[in-house]
């Protein structure tokens, strides 16, 4: 609801300040009727793409080269996600088991059973950045053919909802990621020591 007198200058209802939304205007031929991009949006978009490429190259050169990690071999993990994962996890040996690591990432399920129905719900605790990275990996693996998709479809055929199946896949991916990080750590320690 607008305040009396309308919005203050510089503020737009429903958009953040300086947003790159569209505005109504006269339709141009070949474009969506009544919608056009604001001036400068395209320039900012190209600038952001250039920054992303530079950031990806820097991540590849520094983080992954220094840690000698093979996390990017997991399907769905790119250089940016690998850098985020390695930065948030740090020393993986501080987690004694994969279950402790899953609890840290927020992928350990919480039981929410009632009566005969046994189910688990989303865990709101843990490192939300790592949970977001694992969610991205899970979506990629559930979408593309491979073992992740087979597991996802099997969970759906067992009667789970797509969200529950994706949650189970995230938990499975946490184990895979933990094993890969431990393997990388041991390989690095034997090479240096």
N, C-alpha and C. Protein backbone atom coordinates (compact mmCIF):
# COMPACT_ATOMS: atom_id res chain seq x y z
N UNK A 1 0.84 -1.17 0.00
CA UNK A 1 0.00 0.00 0.00
C UNK A 1 0.88 1.23 0.00
N UNK A 2 0.54 2.19 -0.82
CA UNK A 2 1.32 3.41 -0.92
C UNK A 2 0.99 4.35 0.24
N UNK A 3 2.01 5.05 0.74
CA UNK A 3 1.74 6.07 1.76
C UNK A 3 1.05 7.26 1.11
N UNK A 4 0.45 8.10 1.94
CA UNK A 4 -0.23 9.29 1.42
C UNK A 4 0.76 10.14 0.64
N UNK A 5 0.38 10.53 -0.54
CA UNK A 5 1.27 11.34 -1.37
C UNK A 5 2.15 10.51 -2.29
N UNK A 6 2.04 9.18 -2.24
CA UNK A 6 2.82 8.32 -3.14
C UNK A 6 4.18 7.97 -2.56
N UNK A 7 4.99 7.31 -3.36
CA UNK A 7 6.33 6.91 -2.93
C UNK A 7 7.26 8.11 -2.92
N UNK A 8 8.24 8.07 -2.02
CA UNK A 8 9.25 9.12 -2.02
C UNK A 8 10.10 8.98 -3.27
N UNK A 9 10.67 10.08 -3.64
CA UNK A 9 11.49 10.09 -4.84
C UNK A 9 12.66 9.11 -4.68
N UNK A 10 12.93 8.31 -5.70
CA UNK A 10 14.05 7.36 -5.64
C UNK A 10 13.62 5.99 -5.18
N UNK A 11 12.39 5.84 -4.72
CA UNK A 11 11.92 4.53 -4.28
C UNK A 11 10.84 4.05 -5.22
N UNK A 12 10.88 2.78 -5.48
CA UNK A 12 9.87 2.19 -6.34
C UNK A 12 9.18 1.08 -5.59
N UNK A 13 7.90 1.03 -5.70
CA UNK A 13 7.16 -0.03 -5.03
C UNK A 13 7.43 -1.35 -5.72
N UNK A 14 7.75 -2.42 -4.95
CA UNK A 14 7.92 -3.76 -5.51
C UNK A 14 9.28 -4.02 -6.11
N UNK A 15 10.20 -3.05 -6.08
CA UNK A 15 11.53 -3.25 -6.62
C UNK A 15 12.55 -2.70 -5.65
N UNK A 16 13.75 -3.24 -5.71
CA UNK A 16 14.80 -2.69 -4.87
C UNK A 16 15.32 -1.41 -5.51
N UNK A 17 16.06 -0.62 -4.77
CA UNK A 17 16.59 0.63 -5.30
C UNK A 17 17.51 0.36 -6.47
N UNK A 18 17.34 1.15 -7.49
CA UNK A 18 18.23 1.04 -8.64
C UNK A 18 18.12 -0.29 -9.33
N UNK A 19 17.01 -0.95 -9.16
CA UNK A 19 16.83 -2.28 -9.74
C UNK A 19 16.90 -2.24 -11.25
N UNK A 20 17.06 -3.38 -11.82
CA UNK A 20 17.22 -3.49 -13.25
C UNK A 20 15.96 -4.10 -13.85
N UNK A 21 14.81 -3.73 -13.30
CA UNK A 21 13.56 -4.29 -13.78
C UNK A 21 13.17 -3.68 -15.12
N UNK A 22 12.01 -4.00 -15.55
CA UNK A 22 11.52 -3.43 -16.79
C UNK A 22 10.54 -2.33 -16.46
N UNK A 23 10.26 -1.49 -17.43
CA UNK A 23 9.25 -0.46 -17.23
C UNK A 23 8.33 -0.45 -18.44
N UNK A 24 7.17 0.04 -18.19
CA UNK A 24 6.19 0.11 -19.28
C UNK A 24 6.62 1.18 -20.27
N UNK A 25 6.40 0.91 -21.50
CA UNK A 25 6.72 1.88 -22.53
C UNK A 25 6.00 1.49 -23.80
N UNK A 26 6.25 2.23 -24.81
CA UNK A 26 5.62 1.89 -26.08
C UNK A 26 6.27 0.64 -26.64
N UNK A 27 5.47 -0.29 -27.14
CA UNK A 27 6.05 -1.52 -27.65
C UNK A 27 6.89 -1.28 -28.90
N UNK A 28 7.99 -1.98 -28.97
CA UNK A 28 8.83 -1.95 -30.15
C UNK A 28 8.54 -3.19 -30.97
N UNK A 29 8.80 -3.12 -32.22
CA UNK A 29 8.54 -4.29 -33.06
C UNK A 29 9.51 -5.40 -32.68
N UNK A 30 8.99 -6.61 -32.55
CA UNK A 30 9.84 -7.76 -32.24
C UNK A 30 10.11 -7.96 -30.77
N UNK A 31 9.60 -7.10 -29.90
CA UNK A 31 9.84 -7.27 -28.47
C UNK A 31 8.53 -7.58 -27.79
N UNK A 32 8.62 -7.91 -26.53
CA UNK A 32 7.42 -8.19 -25.76
C UNK A 32 6.58 -6.93 -25.68
N UNK A 33 5.28 -7.02 -25.85
CA UNK A 33 4.46 -5.81 -25.87
C UNK A 33 4.47 -5.09 -24.53
N UNK A 34 4.80 -3.79 -24.61
CA UNK A 34 4.73 -2.96 -23.42
C UNK A 34 5.88 -3.13 -22.44
N UNK A 35 6.91 -3.89 -22.78
CA UNK A 35 8.02 -4.10 -21.84
C UNK A 35 9.33 -3.76 -22.55
N UNK A 36 10.20 -3.04 -21.86
CA UNK A 36 11.54 -2.81 -22.40
C UNK A 36 12.52 -2.69 -21.24
N UNK A 37 13.75 -3.03 -21.51
CA UNK A 37 14.77 -2.96 -20.46
C UNK A 37 15.14 -1.52 -20.18
N UNK A 38 15.51 -1.28 -18.96
CA UNK A 38 15.95 0.06 -18.58
C UNK A 38 17.33 0.32 -19.16
N UNK A 39 17.63 1.56 -19.43
CA UNK A 39 18.97 1.90 -19.94
C UNK A 39 20.02 1.52 -18.91
N UNK A 40 21.10 0.97 -19.37
CA UNK A 40 22.20 0.60 -18.48
C UNK A 40 22.13 -0.82 -17.99
N UNK A 41 20.98 -1.47 -18.12
CA UNK A 41 20.86 -2.85 -17.65
C UNK A 41 21.75 -3.79 -18.45
N UNK A 42 21.76 -3.58 -19.74
CA UNK A 42 22.56 -4.45 -20.59
C UNK A 42 24.04 -4.24 -20.30
N UNK A 43 24.45 -2.98 -20.12
CA UNK A 43 25.85 -2.71 -19.81
C UNK A 43 26.24 -3.37 -18.49
N UNK A 44 25.39 -3.24 -17.47
CA UNK A 44 25.70 -3.86 -16.18
C UNK A 44 25.74 -5.37 -16.30
N UNK A 45 24.86 -5.93 -17.14
CA UNK A 45 24.85 -7.37 -17.34
C UNK A 45 26.14 -7.86 -17.95
N UNK A 46 26.63 -7.14 -18.96
CA UNK A 46 27.89 -7.55 -19.58
C UNK A 46 29.05 -7.38 -18.62
N UNK A 47 29.02 -6.30 -17.83
CA UNK A 47 30.08 -6.08 -16.86
C UNK A 47 30.09 -7.21 -15.82
N UNK A 48 28.90 -7.64 -15.39
CA UNK A 48 28.80 -8.72 -14.42
C UNK A 48 29.33 -10.02 -14.99
N UNK A 49 29.05 -10.28 -16.27
CA UNK A 49 29.55 -11.50 -16.90
C UNK A 49 31.07 -11.48 -16.97
N UNK A 50 31.64 -10.32 -17.25
CA UNK A 50 33.10 -10.20 -17.28
C UNK A 50 33.69 -10.42 -15.91
N UNK A 51 33.05 -9.86 -14.88
CA UNK A 51 33.52 -10.06 -13.50
C UNK A 51 33.43 -11.52 -13.11
N UNK A 52 32.38 -12.20 -13.54
CA UNK A 52 32.21 -13.61 -13.22
C UNK A 52 33.32 -14.44 -13.85
N UNK A 53 33.66 -14.15 -15.11
CA UNK A 53 34.74 -14.87 -15.77
C UNK A 53 36.07 -14.64 -15.06
N UNK A 54 36.34 -13.40 -14.68
CA UNK A 54 37.58 -13.09 -13.97
C UNK A 54 37.61 -13.77 -12.61
N UNK A 55 36.46 -13.77 -11.91
CA UNK A 55 36.37 -14.42 -10.61
C UNK A 55 36.59 -15.92 -10.73
N UNK A 56 36.02 -16.51 -11.77
CA UNK A 56 36.17 -17.95 -11.98
C UNK A 56 37.63 -18.30 -12.27
N UNK A 57 38.29 -17.51 -13.08
CA UNK A 57 39.69 -17.76 -13.39
C UNK A 57 40.56 -17.61 -12.15
N UNK A 58 40.27 -16.60 -11.34
CA UNK A 58 41.04 -16.40 -10.11
C UNK A 58 40.82 -17.55 -9.14
N UNK A 59 39.57 -18.01 -9.02
CA UNK A 59 39.27 -19.14 -8.13
C UNK A 59 40.01 -20.38 -8.59
N UNK A 60 40.01 -20.61 -9.90
CA UNK A 60 40.67 -21.79 -10.45
C UNK A 60 42.16 -21.75 -10.18
N UNK A 61 42.77 -20.56 -10.33
CA UNK A 61 44.21 -20.44 -10.17
C UNK A 61 44.64 -20.52 -8.71
N UNK A 62 43.90 -19.88 -7.83
CA UNK A 62 44.36 -19.80 -6.44
C UNK A 62 43.85 -20.94 -5.58
N UNK A 63 42.57 -20.97 -5.35
CA UNK A 63 42.00 -21.91 -4.39
C UNK A 63 42.24 -23.36 -4.78
N UNK A 64 41.87 -23.71 -5.98
CA UNK A 64 41.98 -25.11 -6.39
C UNK A 64 43.42 -25.53 -6.58
N UNK A 65 44.27 -24.62 -7.07
CA UNK A 65 45.67 -24.97 -7.27
C UNK A 65 46.39 -25.14 -5.93
N UNK A 66 46.08 -24.29 -4.98
CA UNK A 66 46.74 -24.37 -3.67
C UNK A 66 46.31 -25.60 -2.89
N UNK A 67 45.06 -25.98 -3.00
CA UNK A 67 44.58 -27.12 -2.21
C UNK A 67 44.74 -28.45 -2.93
N UNK A 68 45.02 -28.41 -4.22
CA UNK A 68 45.15 -29.63 -5.04
C UNK A 68 43.89 -30.49 -4.93
N UNK A 69 42.75 -29.83 -4.89
CA UNK A 69 41.49 -30.54 -4.70
C UNK A 69 40.93 -31.02 -6.03
N UNK A 70 40.26 -32.16 -5.97
CA UNK A 70 39.62 -32.76 -7.13
C UNK A 70 38.10 -32.71 -6.98
N UNK A 71 37.59 -31.75 -6.21
CA UNK A 71 36.16 -31.64 -5.95
C UNK A 71 35.40 -31.38 -7.25
N UNK A 72 36.03 -30.72 -8.21
CA UNK A 72 35.35 -30.40 -9.46
C UNK A 72 35.07 -31.65 -10.30
N UNK A 73 35.60 -32.78 -9.93
CA UNK A 73 35.31 -34.02 -10.65
C UNK A 73 33.90 -34.53 -10.33
N UNK A 74 33.30 -34.05 -9.26
CA UNK A 74 31.92 -34.40 -8.94
C UNK A 74 31.01 -33.64 -9.88
N UNK A 75 30.06 -34.35 -10.49
CA UNK A 75 29.17 -33.72 -11.46
C UNK A 75 28.34 -32.63 -10.79
N UNK A 76 28.35 -31.44 -11.38
CA UNK A 76 27.58 -30.32 -10.84
C UNK A 76 28.42 -29.35 -10.04
N UNK A 77 29.69 -29.67 -9.80
CA UNK A 77 30.56 -28.78 -9.03
C UNK A 77 31.50 -28.08 -10.01
N UNK A 78 31.32 -26.78 -10.15
CA UNK A 78 32.20 -25.98 -10.98
C UNK A 78 33.28 -25.34 -10.11
N UNK A 79 34.04 -24.45 -10.72
CA UNK A 79 35.16 -23.83 -9.99
C UNK A 79 34.66 -22.90 -8.89
N UNK A 80 33.57 -22.19 -9.15
CA UNK A 80 33.05 -21.25 -8.15
C UNK A 80 32.49 -22.03 -6.95
N UNK A 81 31.69 -23.06 -7.21
CA UNK A 81 31.14 -23.86 -6.11
C UNK A 81 32.26 -24.56 -5.34
N UNK A 82 33.27 -25.04 -6.06
CA UNK A 82 34.39 -25.71 -5.38
C UNK A 82 35.11 -24.74 -4.45
N UNK A 83 35.32 -23.51 -4.92
CA UNK A 83 35.96 -22.50 -4.07
C UNK A 83 35.12 -22.18 -2.85
N UNK A 84 33.81 -22.09 -3.04
CA UNK A 84 32.91 -21.82 -1.92
C UNK A 84 32.94 -22.97 -0.91
N UNK A 85 32.90 -24.20 -1.41
CA UNK A 85 32.92 -25.38 -0.53
C UNK A 85 34.22 -25.45 0.24
N UNK A 86 35.34 -25.31 -0.47
CA UNK A 86 36.65 -25.40 0.19
C UNK A 86 36.85 -24.27 1.19
N UNK A 87 36.34 -23.09 0.87
CA UNK A 87 36.48 -21.96 1.79
C UNK A 87 35.68 -22.14 3.06
N UNK A 88 34.48 -22.69 2.95
CA UNK A 88 33.63 -22.86 4.13
C UNK A 88 34.03 -24.09 4.96
N UNK A 89 34.49 -25.13 4.31
CA UNK A 89 34.84 -26.35 5.05
C UNK A 89 36.17 -26.18 5.77
N UNK A 90 37.15 -25.61 5.09
CA UNK A 90 38.46 -25.47 5.71
C UNK A 90 39.13 -26.83 5.85
N UNK A 91 39.58 -27.15 7.05
CA UNK A 91 40.23 -28.43 7.32
C UNK A 91 39.15 -29.48 7.56
N UNK A 92 39.02 -30.41 6.63
CA UNK A 92 37.96 -31.41 6.70
C UNK A 92 38.20 -32.43 7.81
N UNK A 93 39.42 -32.54 8.29
CA UNK A 93 39.71 -33.52 9.34
C UNK A 93 39.10 -33.13 10.68
N UNK A 94 38.57 -31.93 10.78
CA UNK A 94 37.89 -31.54 12.03
C UNK A 94 36.56 -32.24 12.20
N UNK A 95 36.06 -32.89 11.13
CA UNK A 95 34.83 -33.66 11.19
C UNK A 95 35.20 -35.14 11.30
N UNK A 96 34.93 -35.79 12.43
CA UNK A 96 35.36 -37.19 12.60
C UNK A 96 34.64 -38.16 11.66
N UNK A 97 33.40 -37.88 11.31
CA UNK A 97 32.65 -38.79 10.44
C UNK A 97 31.86 -37.97 9.41
N UNK A 98 31.33 -38.69 8.43
CA UNK A 98 30.48 -38.04 7.42
C UNK A 98 29.20 -37.52 8.04
N UNK A 99 28.74 -38.16 9.11
CA UNK A 99 27.53 -37.69 9.80
C UNK A 99 27.75 -36.32 10.45
N UNK A 100 28.93 -36.12 11.03
CA UNK A 100 29.25 -34.82 11.61
C UNK A 100 29.31 -33.75 10.51
N UNK A 101 29.90 -34.13 9.38
CA UNK A 101 29.98 -33.20 8.25
C UNK A 101 28.58 -32.86 7.74
N UNK A 102 27.70 -33.86 7.67
CA UNK A 102 26.32 -33.61 7.21
C UNK A 102 25.58 -32.69 8.18
N UNK A 103 25.84 -32.84 9.46
CA UNK A 103 25.22 -31.96 10.44
C UNK A 103 25.72 -30.53 10.26
N UNK A 104 27.00 -30.37 9.95
CA UNK A 104 27.58 -29.04 9.73
C UNK A 104 26.99 -28.39 8.48
N UNK A 105 26.76 -29.17 7.43
CA UNK A 105 26.23 -28.62 6.19
C UNK A 105 24.72 -28.42 6.24
N UNK A 106 24.06 -28.97 7.24
CA UNK A 106 22.62 -28.81 7.35
C UNK A 106 21.84 -29.79 6.49
N UNK A 107 22.48 -30.89 6.09
CA UNK A 107 21.80 -31.89 5.27
C UNK A 107 21.42 -33.12 6.07
N UNK A 108 21.77 -33.17 7.35
CA UNK A 108 21.34 -34.28 8.19
C UNK A 108 19.85 -34.11 8.46
N UNK A 109 19.03 -35.11 8.11
CA UNK A 109 17.58 -34.92 8.24
C UNK A 109 17.12 -34.91 9.69
N UNK A 110 16.06 -34.17 9.93
CA UNK A 110 15.43 -34.14 11.25
C UNK A 110 14.15 -34.96 11.16
N UNK A 111 13.97 -35.86 12.10
CA UNK A 111 12.79 -36.71 12.06
C UNK A 111 11.56 -35.90 12.46
N UNK A 112 10.50 -36.05 11.67
CA UNK A 112 9.23 -35.36 11.94
C UNK A 112 8.10 -36.36 11.77
N UNK A 113 8.24 -37.51 12.41
CA UNK A 113 7.26 -38.59 12.25
C UNK A 113 6.09 -38.38 13.19
N UNK A 114 4.95 -38.91 12.77
CA UNK A 114 3.76 -38.86 13.59
C UNK A 114 2.95 -40.12 13.33
N UNK A 115 2.74 -40.89 14.38
CA UNK A 115 1.97 -42.13 14.23
C UNK A 115 2.72 -43.14 13.39
N UNK A 116 2.03 -43.70 12.41
CA UNK A 116 2.63 -44.72 11.54
C UNK A 116 3.52 -44.12 10.45
N UNK A 117 3.28 -42.88 10.13
CA UNK A 117 4.01 -42.24 9.02
C UNK A 117 5.38 -41.78 9.50
N UNK A 118 6.42 -42.37 8.91
CA UNK A 118 7.80 -41.96 9.23
C UNK A 118 8.30 -41.04 8.14
N UNK A 119 8.67 -39.83 8.53
CA UNK A 119 9.19 -38.88 7.55
C UNK A 119 10.24 -38.00 8.20
N UNK A 120 10.98 -37.32 7.36
CA UNK A 120 12.01 -36.40 7.81
C UNK A 120 11.77 -35.06 7.17
N UNK A 121 12.14 -34.01 7.87
CA UNK A 121 11.91 -32.67 7.34
C UNK A 121 13.23 -31.94 7.15
N UNK A 122 13.13 -30.76 6.55
CA UNK A 122 14.29 -29.93 6.27
C UNK A 122 14.96 -29.51 7.57
N UNK A 123 16.28 -29.57 7.55
CA UNK A 123 17.06 -29.15 8.70
C UNK A 123 17.41 -27.67 8.52
N UNK A 124 16.88 -26.78 9.36
CA UNK A 124 17.14 -25.35 9.19
C UNK A 124 18.49 -24.90 9.77
N UNK A 125 19.21 -25.79 10.41
CA UNK A 125 20.48 -25.41 11.04
C UNK A 125 21.63 -25.71 10.09
N UNK A 126 22.82 -25.47 10.52
CA UNK A 126 24.01 -25.77 9.72
C UNK A 126 24.45 -24.56 8.90
N UNK A 127 25.48 -24.76 8.14
CA UNK A 127 26.04 -23.72 7.30
C UNK A 127 25.16 -23.57 6.06
N UNK A 128 24.45 -22.46 5.96
CA UNK A 128 23.49 -22.28 4.87
C UNK A 128 24.19 -22.09 3.52
N UNK A 129 25.40 -21.56 3.52
CA UNK A 129 26.13 -21.41 2.26
C UNK A 129 26.50 -22.78 1.68
N UNK A 130 26.97 -23.68 2.53
CA UNK A 130 27.27 -25.04 2.06
C UNK A 130 26.01 -25.76 1.65
N UNK A 131 24.92 -25.54 2.38
CA UNK A 131 23.66 -26.17 2.04
C UNK A 131 23.18 -25.70 0.67
N UNK A 132 23.36 -24.42 0.38
CA UNK A 132 22.99 -23.88 -0.92
C UNK A 132 23.85 -24.48 -2.03
N UNK A 133 25.13 -24.64 -1.77
CA UNK A 133 26.02 -25.26 -2.77
C UNK A 133 25.61 -26.70 -3.02
N UNK A 134 25.29 -27.44 -1.96
CA UNK A 134 24.85 -28.83 -2.13
C UNK A 134 23.51 -28.90 -2.85
N UNK A 135 22.64 -27.93 -2.61
CA UNK A 135 21.36 -27.90 -3.31
C UNK A 135 21.58 -27.71 -4.82
N UNK A 136 22.49 -26.82 -5.19
CA UNK A 136 22.81 -26.60 -6.59
C UNK A 136 23.35 -27.87 -7.24
N UNK A 137 24.23 -28.57 -6.54
CA UNK A 137 24.78 -29.82 -7.06
C UNK A 137 23.67 -30.86 -7.20
N UNK A 138 22.79 -30.93 -6.21
CA UNK A 138 21.69 -31.91 -6.24
C UNK A 138 20.74 -31.64 -7.40
N UNK A 139 20.44 -30.38 -7.66
CA UNK A 139 19.55 -30.04 -8.77
C UNK A 139 20.19 -30.44 -10.09
N UNK A 140 21.50 -30.19 -10.24
CA UNK A 140 22.21 -30.58 -11.46
C UNK A 140 22.20 -32.10 -11.63
N UNK A 141 22.44 -32.82 -10.56
CA UNK A 141 22.51 -34.28 -10.67
C UNK A 141 21.14 -34.89 -10.87
N UNK A 142 20.10 -34.31 -10.30
CA UNK A 142 18.75 -34.83 -10.50
C UNK A 142 18.26 -34.55 -11.91
N UNK A 143 18.74 -33.49 -12.51
CA UNK A 143 18.32 -33.09 -13.86
C UNK A 143 19.04 -33.90 -14.94
N UNK A 144 20.34 -34.13 -14.78
CA UNK A 144 21.14 -34.77 -15.82
C UNK A 144 21.21 -36.27 -15.61
N UNK A 145 21.35 -37.04 -16.70
CA UNK A 145 21.46 -38.49 -16.55
C UNK A 145 22.73 -38.87 -15.78
N UNK A 146 22.62 -39.89 -14.96
CA UNK A 146 23.75 -40.35 -14.17
C UNK A 146 23.26 -40.99 -12.89
N UNK A 147 24.19 -41.34 -12.00
CA UNK A 147 23.79 -42.00 -10.75
C UNK A 147 22.93 -41.13 -9.85
N UNK A 148 23.12 -39.81 -9.86
CA UNK A 148 22.30 -38.93 -9.04
C UNK A 148 20.85 -38.94 -9.49
N UNK A 149 20.63 -38.94 -10.79
CA UNK A 149 19.25 -38.98 -11.31
C UNK A 149 18.60 -40.33 -11.02
N UNK A 150 19.36 -41.42 -11.13
CA UNK A 150 18.83 -42.75 -10.83
C UNK A 150 18.38 -42.81 -9.37
N UNK A 151 19.20 -42.28 -8.47
CA UNK A 151 18.87 -42.26 -7.04
C UNK A 151 17.62 -41.41 -6.79
N UNK A 152 17.56 -40.24 -7.43
CA UNK A 152 16.44 -39.33 -7.27
C UNK A 152 15.14 -39.99 -7.74
N UNK A 153 15.18 -40.61 -8.91
CA UNK A 153 13.97 -41.27 -9.44
C UNK A 153 13.57 -42.47 -8.58
N UNK A 154 14.56 -43.17 -8.02
CA UNK A 154 14.24 -44.29 -7.14
C UNK A 154 13.51 -43.81 -5.88
N UNK A 155 13.95 -42.70 -5.35
CA UNK A 155 13.29 -42.14 -4.16
C UNK A 155 11.86 -41.70 -4.49
N UNK A 156 11.66 -41.13 -5.65
CA UNK A 156 10.31 -40.73 -6.06
C UNK A 156 9.42 -41.96 -6.24
N UNK A 157 9.99 -43.03 -6.82
CA UNK A 157 9.19 -44.25 -7.00
C UNK A 157 8.87 -44.92 -5.67
N UNK A 158 9.64 -44.63 -4.63
CA UNK A 158 9.36 -45.16 -3.29
C UNK A 158 8.23 -44.39 -2.61
N UNK A 159 7.74 -43.33 -3.26
CA UNK A 159 6.62 -42.58 -2.71
C UNK A 159 7.00 -41.27 -2.07
N UNK A 160 8.24 -40.85 -2.20
CA UNK A 160 8.65 -39.57 -1.63
C UNK A 160 8.25 -38.44 -2.57
N UNK A 161 8.05 -37.27 -2.01
CA UNK A 161 7.77 -36.10 -2.83
C UNK A 161 9.07 -35.66 -3.48
N UNK A 162 9.02 -34.85 -4.54
CA UNK A 162 10.26 -34.38 -5.16
C UNK A 162 11.19 -33.64 -4.18
N UNK A 163 10.61 -32.88 -3.26
CA UNK A 163 11.45 -32.18 -2.28
C UNK A 163 12.13 -33.17 -1.33
N UNK A 164 11.41 -34.19 -0.90
CA UNK A 164 12.01 -35.21 -0.03
C UNK A 164 13.08 -36.00 -0.77
N UNK A 165 12.84 -36.31 -2.04
CA UNK A 165 13.82 -37.03 -2.84
C UNK A 165 15.08 -36.19 -3.04
N UNK A 166 14.90 -34.88 -3.28
CA UNK A 166 16.05 -34.00 -3.43
C UNK A 166 16.82 -33.88 -2.12
N UNK A 167 16.11 -33.86 -1.01
CA UNK A 167 16.75 -33.80 0.30
C UNK A 167 17.59 -35.05 0.55
N UNK A 168 17.06 -36.21 0.17
CA UNK A 168 17.81 -37.46 0.31
C UNK A 168 19.04 -37.46 -0.59
N UNK A 169 18.90 -36.92 -1.79
CA UNK A 169 20.04 -36.82 -2.71
C UNK A 169 21.10 -35.88 -2.15
N UNK A 170 20.69 -34.78 -1.53
CA UNK A 170 21.65 -33.87 -0.91
C UNK A 170 22.43 -34.57 0.20
N UNK A 171 21.74 -35.39 0.96
CA UNK A 171 22.43 -36.12 2.04
C UNK A 171 23.44 -37.11 1.46
N UNK A 172 23.05 -37.78 0.37
CA UNK A 172 23.97 -38.71 -0.29
C UNK A 172 25.16 -37.97 -0.88
N UNK A 173 24.91 -36.81 -1.46
CA UNK A 173 26.00 -36.01 -2.03
C UNK A 173 26.94 -35.49 -0.95
N UNK A 174 26.42 -35.26 0.24
CA UNK A 174 27.28 -34.85 1.35
C UNK A 174 28.30 -35.93 1.65
N UNK A 175 27.87 -37.20 1.63
CA UNK A 175 28.81 -38.30 1.85
C UNK A 175 29.86 -38.36 0.75
N UNK A 176 29.44 -38.17 -0.49
CA UNK A 176 30.37 -38.20 -1.62
C UNK A 176 31.38 -37.06 -1.50
N UNK A 177 30.89 -35.88 -1.17
CA UNK A 177 31.77 -34.72 -1.01
C UNK A 177 32.74 -34.92 0.14
N UNK A 178 32.26 -35.46 1.25
CA UNK A 178 33.13 -35.71 2.40
C UNK A 178 34.25 -36.69 2.04
N UNK A 179 33.89 -37.77 1.37
CA UNK A 179 34.91 -38.76 0.97
C UNK A 179 35.94 -38.13 0.03
N UNK A 180 35.48 -37.29 -0.90
CA UNK A 180 36.41 -36.65 -1.83
C UNK A 180 37.33 -35.68 -1.10
N UNK A 181 36.81 -34.91 -0.17
CA UNK A 181 37.63 -33.97 0.59
C UNK A 181 38.67 -34.70 1.45
N UNK A 182 38.25 -35.80 2.07
CA UNK A 182 39.20 -36.60 2.88
C UNK A 182 40.29 -37.18 1.98
N UNK A 183 39.88 -37.69 0.82
CA UNK A 183 40.85 -38.27 -0.11
C UNK A 183 41.85 -37.21 -0.57
N UNK A 184 41.37 -36.00 -0.87
CA UNK A 184 42.25 -34.91 -1.27
C UNK A 184 43.21 -34.52 -0.15
N UNK A 185 42.69 -34.48 1.07
CA UNK A 185 43.52 -34.11 2.23
C UNK A 185 44.63 -35.15 2.45
N UNK A 186 44.28 -36.44 2.38
CA UNK A 186 45.29 -37.48 2.58
C UNK A 186 46.33 -37.47 1.47
N UNK A 187 45.89 -37.25 0.26
CA UNK A 187 46.81 -37.21 -0.88
C UNK A 187 47.78 -36.05 -0.73
N UNK A 188 47.27 -34.90 -0.29
CA UNK A 188 48.12 -33.73 -0.09
C UNK A 188 49.10 -33.94 1.05
N UNK A 189 48.67 -34.58 2.13
CA UNK A 189 49.56 -34.82 3.28
C UNK A 189 50.66 -35.82 2.93
N UNK A 190 50.34 -36.85 2.16
CA UNK A 190 51.39 -37.82 1.79
C UNK A 190 52.36 -37.22 0.78
N UNK A 191 51.90 -36.30 -0.05
CA UNK A 191 52.79 -35.66 -1.03
C UNK A 191 53.74 -34.67 -0.36
N UNK A 192 53.28 -33.97 0.67
CA UNK A 192 54.12 -32.98 1.34
C UNK A 192 54.93 -33.56 2.49
N UNK A 193 54.42 -34.62 3.11
CA UNK A 193 55.09 -35.14 4.31
C UNK A 193 55.81 -36.36 4.02
